[in-house]
Structure formats: structure tokens, C-alpha cells
């Protein structure tokens, strides 16, 4: 008789554990509001760092040539040069962009 009750009791305990884990993951996991917010903030900080390095490369190119047109960024910079003309440029990293020179990272593309 103990065996017969042991298996269902074990299954109930496992199902309760799974339910409790899923509820905890909703409020504390990477899909929670605070988890998504932390991920977004980290991505923005990384993009800002990448933009500052790309800005330095763009300014160095401008100092040598007097234009941003024809500029390229080093491979692996994490930033894409979307547009560059004689006096301005637009950089994009992930879901953010920066109009330069002197711009600040903004959400969205160029």
C-alpha cells in the first residue's frame, strides 16, 4: 500500500516544484521585466562604448582627409558605418544609432 501512494505523492511533489520554478522564473528570470530592463541597459552601455571608439576612428579619418566620405571602421568594432558624407556620418550598433559628429546614441536605426 505504501508503494501505491509513494509514486503519486512523488509525481505531485515534482509537479508542484515545476510550477513554483516557473513562477519564480517569470518574476526573476531573464524574461521578467527587471531582467529585460537589465539586458537593455547592458546593451546600451556596450553600444555607447563601441560608439565612442568608432567616433575616435571617424575623427582621425576626418583629420587626415578633411571629409568623412570614404571612411571605414576597423573590423570587429561592433559598429556599422551606415552613412558618411563630407560633414556628417551615422553609426549603428544593434538597435541604436548615433549621428555624428558629436551626437548621442539614440534608439532605432539611421
N, C-alpha and C. Protein backbone atom coordinates (compact mmCIF):
# COMPACT_ATOMS: atom_id res chain seq x y z
N UNK A 1 0.81 -1.19 0.00
CA UNK A 1 0.00 0.00 0.00
C UNK A 1 0.86 1.27 0.00
N UNK A 2 2.00 1.22 0.69
CA UNK A 2 2.89 2.39 0.75
C UNK A 2 3.45 2.68 -0.63
N UNK A 3 3.79 1.65 -1.39
CA UNK A 3 4.30 1.85 -2.73
C UNK A 3 3.28 2.53 -3.64
N UNK A 4 2.05 2.13 -3.52
CA UNK A 4 1.00 2.68 -4.37
C UNK A 4 0.83 4.18 -4.10
N UNK A 5 0.93 4.60 -2.87
CA UNK A 5 0.79 6.01 -2.54
C UNK A 5 2.09 6.79 -2.77
N UNK A 6 3.23 6.10 -2.78
CA UNK A 6 4.51 6.77 -2.94
C UNK A 6 4.71 7.39 -4.30
N UNK A 7 4.34 6.69 -5.36
CA UNK A 7 4.53 7.19 -6.72
C UNK A 7 3.65 8.41 -6.99
N UNK A 8 2.34 8.37 -6.70
CA UNK A 8 1.54 9.59 -6.93
C UNK A 8 2.01 10.77 -6.08
N UNK A 9 2.41 10.52 -4.85
CA UNK A 9 2.90 11.60 -4.00
C UNK A 9 4.17 12.21 -4.59
N UNK A 10 5.04 11.38 -5.13
CA UNK A 10 6.26 11.86 -5.77
C UNK A 10 5.93 12.71 -6.99
N UNK A 11 4.99 12.25 -7.83
CA UNK A 11 4.60 12.99 -9.01
C UNK A 11 3.97 14.34 -8.65
N UNK A 12 3.16 14.36 -7.61
CA UNK A 12 2.56 15.62 -7.17
C UNK A 12 3.65 16.59 -6.70
N UNK A 13 4.62 16.08 -5.96
CA UNK A 13 5.72 16.93 -5.48
C UNK A 13 6.53 17.50 -6.65
N UNK A 14 6.79 16.68 -7.65
CA UNK A 14 7.53 17.13 -8.83
C UNK A 14 6.74 18.21 -9.57
N UNK A 15 5.44 18.00 -9.78
CA UNK A 15 4.62 18.98 -10.48
C UNK A 15 4.54 20.30 -9.70
N UNK A 16 4.44 20.24 -8.39
CA UNK A 16 4.44 21.45 -7.59
C UNK A 16 5.77 22.18 -7.72
N UNK A 17 6.87 21.43 -7.70
CA UNK A 17 8.19 22.03 -7.87
C UNK A 17 8.33 22.71 -9.21
N UNK A 18 7.86 22.09 -10.28
CA UNK A 18 7.92 22.68 -11.61
C UNK A 18 7.09 23.95 -11.66
N UNK A 19 5.90 23.92 -11.09
CA UNK A 19 5.05 25.11 -11.06
C UNK A 19 5.73 26.25 -10.31
N UNK A 20 6.27 25.97 -9.15
CA UNK A 20 6.93 27.01 -8.35
C UNK A 20 8.14 27.58 -9.08
N UNK A 21 8.90 26.72 -9.73
CA UNK A 21 10.06 27.18 -10.51
C UNK A 21 9.62 28.11 -11.64
N UNK A 22 8.56 27.74 -12.36
CA UNK A 22 8.11 28.57 -13.48
C UNK A 22 7.61 29.92 -12.99
N UNK A 23 6.96 29.96 -11.83
CA UNK A 23 6.50 31.24 -11.28
C UNK A 23 7.69 32.10 -10.87
N UNK A 24 8.71 31.50 -10.29
CA UNK A 24 9.90 32.24 -9.90
C UNK A 24 10.63 32.78 -11.13
N UNK A 25 10.70 31.97 -12.18
CA UNK A 25 11.39 32.40 -13.40
C UNK A 25 10.68 33.58 -14.05
N UNK A 26 9.37 33.64 -13.95
CA UNK A 26 8.62 34.76 -14.53
C UNK A 26 8.94 36.07 -13.83
N UNK A 27 9.17 36.00 -12.52
CA UNK A 27 9.41 37.24 -11.78
C UNK A 27 10.88 37.57 -11.62
N UNK A 28 11.77 36.61 -11.77
CA UNK A 28 13.19 36.86 -11.54
C UNK A 28 14.10 36.48 -12.70
N UNK A 29 13.58 35.85 -13.71
CA UNK A 29 14.43 35.36 -14.81
C UNK A 29 14.70 36.42 -15.85
N UNK A 30 15.36 35.99 -16.92
CA UNK A 30 15.74 36.92 -17.99
C UNK A 30 14.54 37.42 -18.78
N UNK A 31 13.38 36.76 -18.65
CA UNK A 31 12.19 37.23 -19.35
C UNK A 31 11.34 38.14 -18.47
N UNK A 32 11.73 38.34 -17.24
CA UNK A 32 10.98 39.24 -16.36
C UNK A 32 11.23 40.69 -16.77
N UNK A 33 10.41 41.59 -16.28
CA UNK A 33 10.56 43.00 -16.62
C UNK A 33 11.92 43.52 -16.18
N UNK A 34 12.32 43.19 -14.96
CA UNK A 34 13.62 43.67 -14.48
C UNK A 34 14.76 43.02 -15.23
N UNK A 35 14.59 41.76 -15.63
CA UNK A 35 15.63 41.08 -16.41
C UNK A 35 15.79 41.70 -17.78
N UNK A 36 14.67 41.98 -18.44
CA UNK A 36 14.74 42.62 -19.77
C UNK A 36 15.33 44.02 -19.66
N UNK A 37 14.97 44.74 -18.59
CA UNK A 37 15.49 46.09 -18.39
C UNK A 37 17.01 46.06 -18.19
N UNK A 38 17.49 45.11 -17.42
CA UNK A 38 18.94 44.99 -17.19
C UNK A 38 19.67 44.65 -18.48
N UNK A 39 19.09 43.78 -19.28
CA UNK A 39 19.70 43.40 -20.56
C UNK A 39 19.76 44.61 -21.49
N UNK A 40 18.68 45.39 -21.56
CA UNK A 40 18.64 46.58 -22.41
C UNK A 40 19.68 47.60 -21.96
N UNK A 41 19.81 47.81 -20.65
CA UNK A 41 20.79 48.76 -20.14
C UNK A 41 22.21 48.30 -20.46
N UNK A 42 22.47 47.01 -20.35
CA UNK A 42 23.80 46.49 -20.66
C UNK A 42 24.12 46.65 -22.15
N UNK A 43 23.12 46.40 -23.00
CA UNK A 43 23.34 46.57 -24.43
C UNK A 43 23.58 48.03 -24.79
N UNK A 44 22.88 48.94 -24.13
CA UNK A 44 23.08 50.38 -24.38
C UNK A 44 24.47 50.82 -23.93
N UNK A 45 24.92 50.31 -22.79
CA UNK A 45 26.26 50.66 -22.31
C UNK A 45 27.33 50.15 -23.27
N UNK A 46 27.15 48.93 -23.76
CA UNK A 46 28.11 48.37 -24.72
C UNK A 46 28.10 49.18 -26.02
N UNK A 47 26.93 49.56 -26.48
CA UNK A 47 26.83 50.36 -27.71
C UNK A 47 27.51 51.72 -27.52
N UNK A 48 27.32 52.33 -26.36
CA UNK A 48 27.95 53.64 -26.10
C UNK A 48 29.47 53.53 -26.14
N UNK A 49 30.01 52.45 -25.59
CA UNK A 49 31.45 52.23 -25.63
C UNK A 49 31.93 52.03 -27.06
N UNK A 50 31.19 51.22 -27.81
CA UNK A 50 31.55 50.98 -29.20
C UNK A 50 31.46 52.26 -30.02
N UNK A 51 30.42 53.07 -29.77
CA UNK A 51 30.28 54.33 -30.49
C UNK A 51 31.46 55.27 -30.20
N UNK A 52 31.89 55.33 -28.95
CA UNK A 52 32.99 56.25 -28.63
C UNK A 52 34.27 55.84 -29.35
N UNK A 53 34.52 54.54 -29.46
CA UNK A 53 35.70 54.08 -30.19
C UNK A 53 35.56 54.37 -31.68
N UNK A 54 34.36 54.18 -32.22
CA UNK A 54 34.14 54.45 -33.64
C UNK A 54 34.23 55.95 -33.92
N UNK A 55 33.74 56.78 -32.98
CA UNK A 55 33.85 58.23 -33.14
C UNK A 55 35.31 58.66 -33.25
N UNK A 56 36.15 58.06 -32.41
CA UNK A 56 37.58 58.39 -32.46
C UNK A 56 38.17 58.02 -33.81
N UNK A 57 37.79 56.87 -34.36
CA UNK A 57 38.29 56.46 -35.67
C UNK A 57 37.78 57.40 -36.76
N UNK A 58 36.52 57.82 -36.65
CA UNK A 58 35.96 58.75 -37.64
C UNK A 58 36.66 60.11 -37.57
N UNK A 59 36.95 60.59 -36.38
CA UNK A 59 37.64 61.88 -36.24
C UNK A 59 39.07 61.80 -36.78
N UNK A 60 39.74 60.68 -36.56
CA UNK A 60 41.09 60.50 -37.10
C UNK A 60 41.06 60.52 -38.63
N UNK A 61 40.06 59.86 -39.21
CA UNK A 61 39.93 59.86 -40.67
C UNK A 61 39.67 61.28 -41.16
N UNK A 62 38.81 62.02 -40.48
CA UNK A 62 38.48 63.39 -40.89
C UNK A 62 39.70 64.30 -40.80
N UNK A 63 40.50 64.12 -39.76
CA UNK A 63 41.71 64.95 -39.61
C UNK A 63 42.69 64.72 -40.76
N UNK A 64 42.75 63.51 -41.27
CA UNK A 64 43.66 63.19 -42.37
C UNK A 64 43.12 63.62 -43.73
N UNK A 65 41.80 63.48 -43.93
CA UNK A 65 41.28 63.69 -45.27
C UNK A 65 40.38 64.92 -45.41
N UNK A 66 39.91 65.50 -44.31
CA UNK A 66 39.03 66.66 -44.39
C UNK A 66 37.59 66.33 -44.73
N UNK A 67 37.24 65.06 -44.73
CA UNK A 67 35.88 64.61 -45.03
C UNK A 67 35.63 63.29 -44.31
N UNK A 68 34.37 62.97 -44.08
CA UNK A 68 34.01 61.66 -43.54
C UNK A 68 33.71 60.68 -44.66
N UNK A 69 33.49 61.20 -45.88
CA UNK A 69 33.21 60.35 -47.03
C UNK A 69 34.35 59.40 -47.31
N UNK A 70 34.03 58.13 -47.52
CA UNK A 70 35.04 57.13 -47.80
C UNK A 70 35.66 56.51 -46.55
N UNK A 71 35.20 56.93 -45.39
CA UNK A 71 35.75 56.37 -44.14
C UNK A 71 35.31 54.92 -43.96
N UNK A 72 36.12 54.17 -43.27
CA UNK A 72 35.77 52.80 -42.89
C UNK A 72 36.09 52.62 -41.41
N UNK A 73 35.44 51.66 -40.81
CA UNK A 73 35.69 51.34 -39.40
C UNK A 73 36.47 50.04 -39.31
N UNK A 74 37.27 49.89 -38.27
CA UNK A 74 38.01 48.65 -38.11
C UNK A 74 37.07 47.45 -37.97
N UNK A 75 37.44 46.33 -38.55
CA UNK A 75 36.60 45.13 -38.39
C UNK A 75 36.49 44.74 -36.91
N UNK A 76 35.35 44.24 -36.54
CA UNK A 76 35.15 43.79 -35.16
C UNK A 76 34.85 44.90 -34.18
N UNK A 77 34.54 46.09 -34.69
CA UNK A 77 34.27 47.22 -33.80
C UNK A 77 32.88 47.14 -33.18
N UNK A 78 32.00 46.32 -33.74
CA UNK A 78 30.64 46.22 -33.23
C UNK A 78 29.75 47.34 -33.72
N UNK A 79 30.29 48.19 -34.60
CA UNK A 79 29.55 49.33 -35.12
C UNK A 79 29.59 49.28 -36.64
N UNK A 80 28.47 49.67 -37.26
CA UNK A 80 28.39 49.71 -38.72
C UNK A 80 28.29 51.17 -39.14
N UNK A 81 29.11 51.55 -40.08
CA UNK A 81 29.04 52.89 -40.66
C UNK A 81 27.97 52.84 -41.75
N UNK A 82 26.81 53.42 -41.47
CA UNK A 82 25.68 53.37 -42.40
C UNK A 82 25.78 54.44 -43.46
N UNK A 83 26.20 55.66 -43.05
CA UNK A 83 26.24 56.78 -43.98
C UNK A 83 27.39 57.69 -43.58
N UNK A 84 28.12 58.19 -44.58
CA UNK A 84 29.18 59.16 -44.34
C UNK A 84 29.28 60.08 -45.54
N UNK A 85 29.24 61.40 -45.28
CA UNK A 85 29.43 62.37 -46.35
C UNK A 85 30.51 63.36 -45.91
N UNK A 86 30.59 64.49 -46.54
CA UNK A 86 31.67 65.44 -46.26
C UNK A 86 31.66 65.96 -44.83
N UNK A 87 30.48 66.13 -44.24
CA UNK A 87 30.42 66.78 -42.93
C UNK A 87 29.76 65.97 -41.82
N UNK A 88 29.19 64.82 -42.13
CA UNK A 88 28.49 64.05 -41.09
C UNK A 88 28.53 62.56 -41.40
N UNK A 89 28.10 61.79 -40.43
CA UNK A 89 28.05 60.34 -40.57
C UNK A 89 26.98 59.78 -39.65
N UNK A 90 26.61 58.54 -39.87
CA UNK A 90 25.66 57.85 -38.99
C UNK A 90 26.20 56.46 -38.72
N UNK A 91 26.32 56.15 -37.44
CA UNK A 91 26.80 54.85 -36.99
C UNK A 91 25.64 54.06 -36.39
N UNK A 92 25.68 52.75 -36.52
CA UNK A 92 24.62 51.92 -35.95
C UNK A 92 25.25 50.72 -35.25
N UNK A 93 24.74 50.45 -34.04
CA UNK A 93 25.17 49.27 -33.28
C UNK A 93 23.92 48.68 -32.64
N UNK A 94 23.57 47.48 -33.06
CA UNK A 94 22.37 46.84 -32.52
C UNK A 94 21.14 47.65 -32.86
N UNK A 95 20.35 47.98 -31.84
CA UNK A 95 19.11 48.72 -32.03
C UNK A 95 19.27 50.21 -31.78
N UNK A 96 20.50 50.71 -31.80
CA UNK A 96 20.76 52.13 -31.55
C UNK A 96 21.60 52.71 -32.69
N UNK A 97 21.51 54.03 -32.83
CA UNK A 97 22.33 54.71 -33.83
C UNK A 97 22.86 56.00 -33.22
N UNK A 98 23.84 56.57 -33.90
CA UNK A 98 24.42 57.85 -33.49
C UNK A 98 24.72 58.67 -34.72
N UNK A 99 24.18 59.89 -34.76
CA UNK A 99 24.50 60.82 -35.83
C UNK A 99 25.71 61.63 -35.39
N UNK A 100 26.73 61.66 -36.21
CA UNK A 100 27.94 62.36 -35.82
C UNK A 100 28.29 63.46 -36.79
N UNK A 101 29.21 64.25 -36.41
CA UNK A 101 29.98 64.18 -35.17
C UNK A 101 29.23 64.81 -33.99
N UNK A 102 29.56 64.34 -32.82
CA UNK A 102 29.03 64.92 -31.59
C UNK A 102 27.66 64.47 -31.18
N UNK A 103 27.10 63.49 -31.84
CA UNK A 103 25.77 63.02 -31.48
C UNK A 103 25.78 62.09 -30.28
N UNK A 104 24.60 61.79 -29.80
CA UNK A 104 24.44 60.85 -28.70
C UNK A 104 23.71 59.62 -29.20
N UNK A 105 23.97 58.45 -28.60
CA UNK A 105 23.24 57.25 -29.01
C UNK A 105 21.73 57.44 -28.85
N UNK A 106 20.99 57.04 -29.86
CA UNK A 106 19.54 57.15 -29.90
C UNK A 106 18.95 55.80 -30.29
N UNK A 107 17.75 55.48 -29.83
CA UNK A 107 17.13 54.22 -30.24
C UNK A 107 16.75 54.25 -31.72
N UNK A 108 16.75 53.10 -32.33
CA UNK A 108 16.35 52.98 -33.73
C UNK A 108 17.53 53.00 -34.67
N UNK A 109 17.22 52.82 -35.93
CA UNK A 109 18.27 52.82 -36.95
C UNK A 109 18.54 54.19 -37.52
N UNK A 110 19.55 54.27 -38.37
CA UNK A 110 19.92 55.54 -39.01
C UNK A 110 18.84 56.00 -39.96
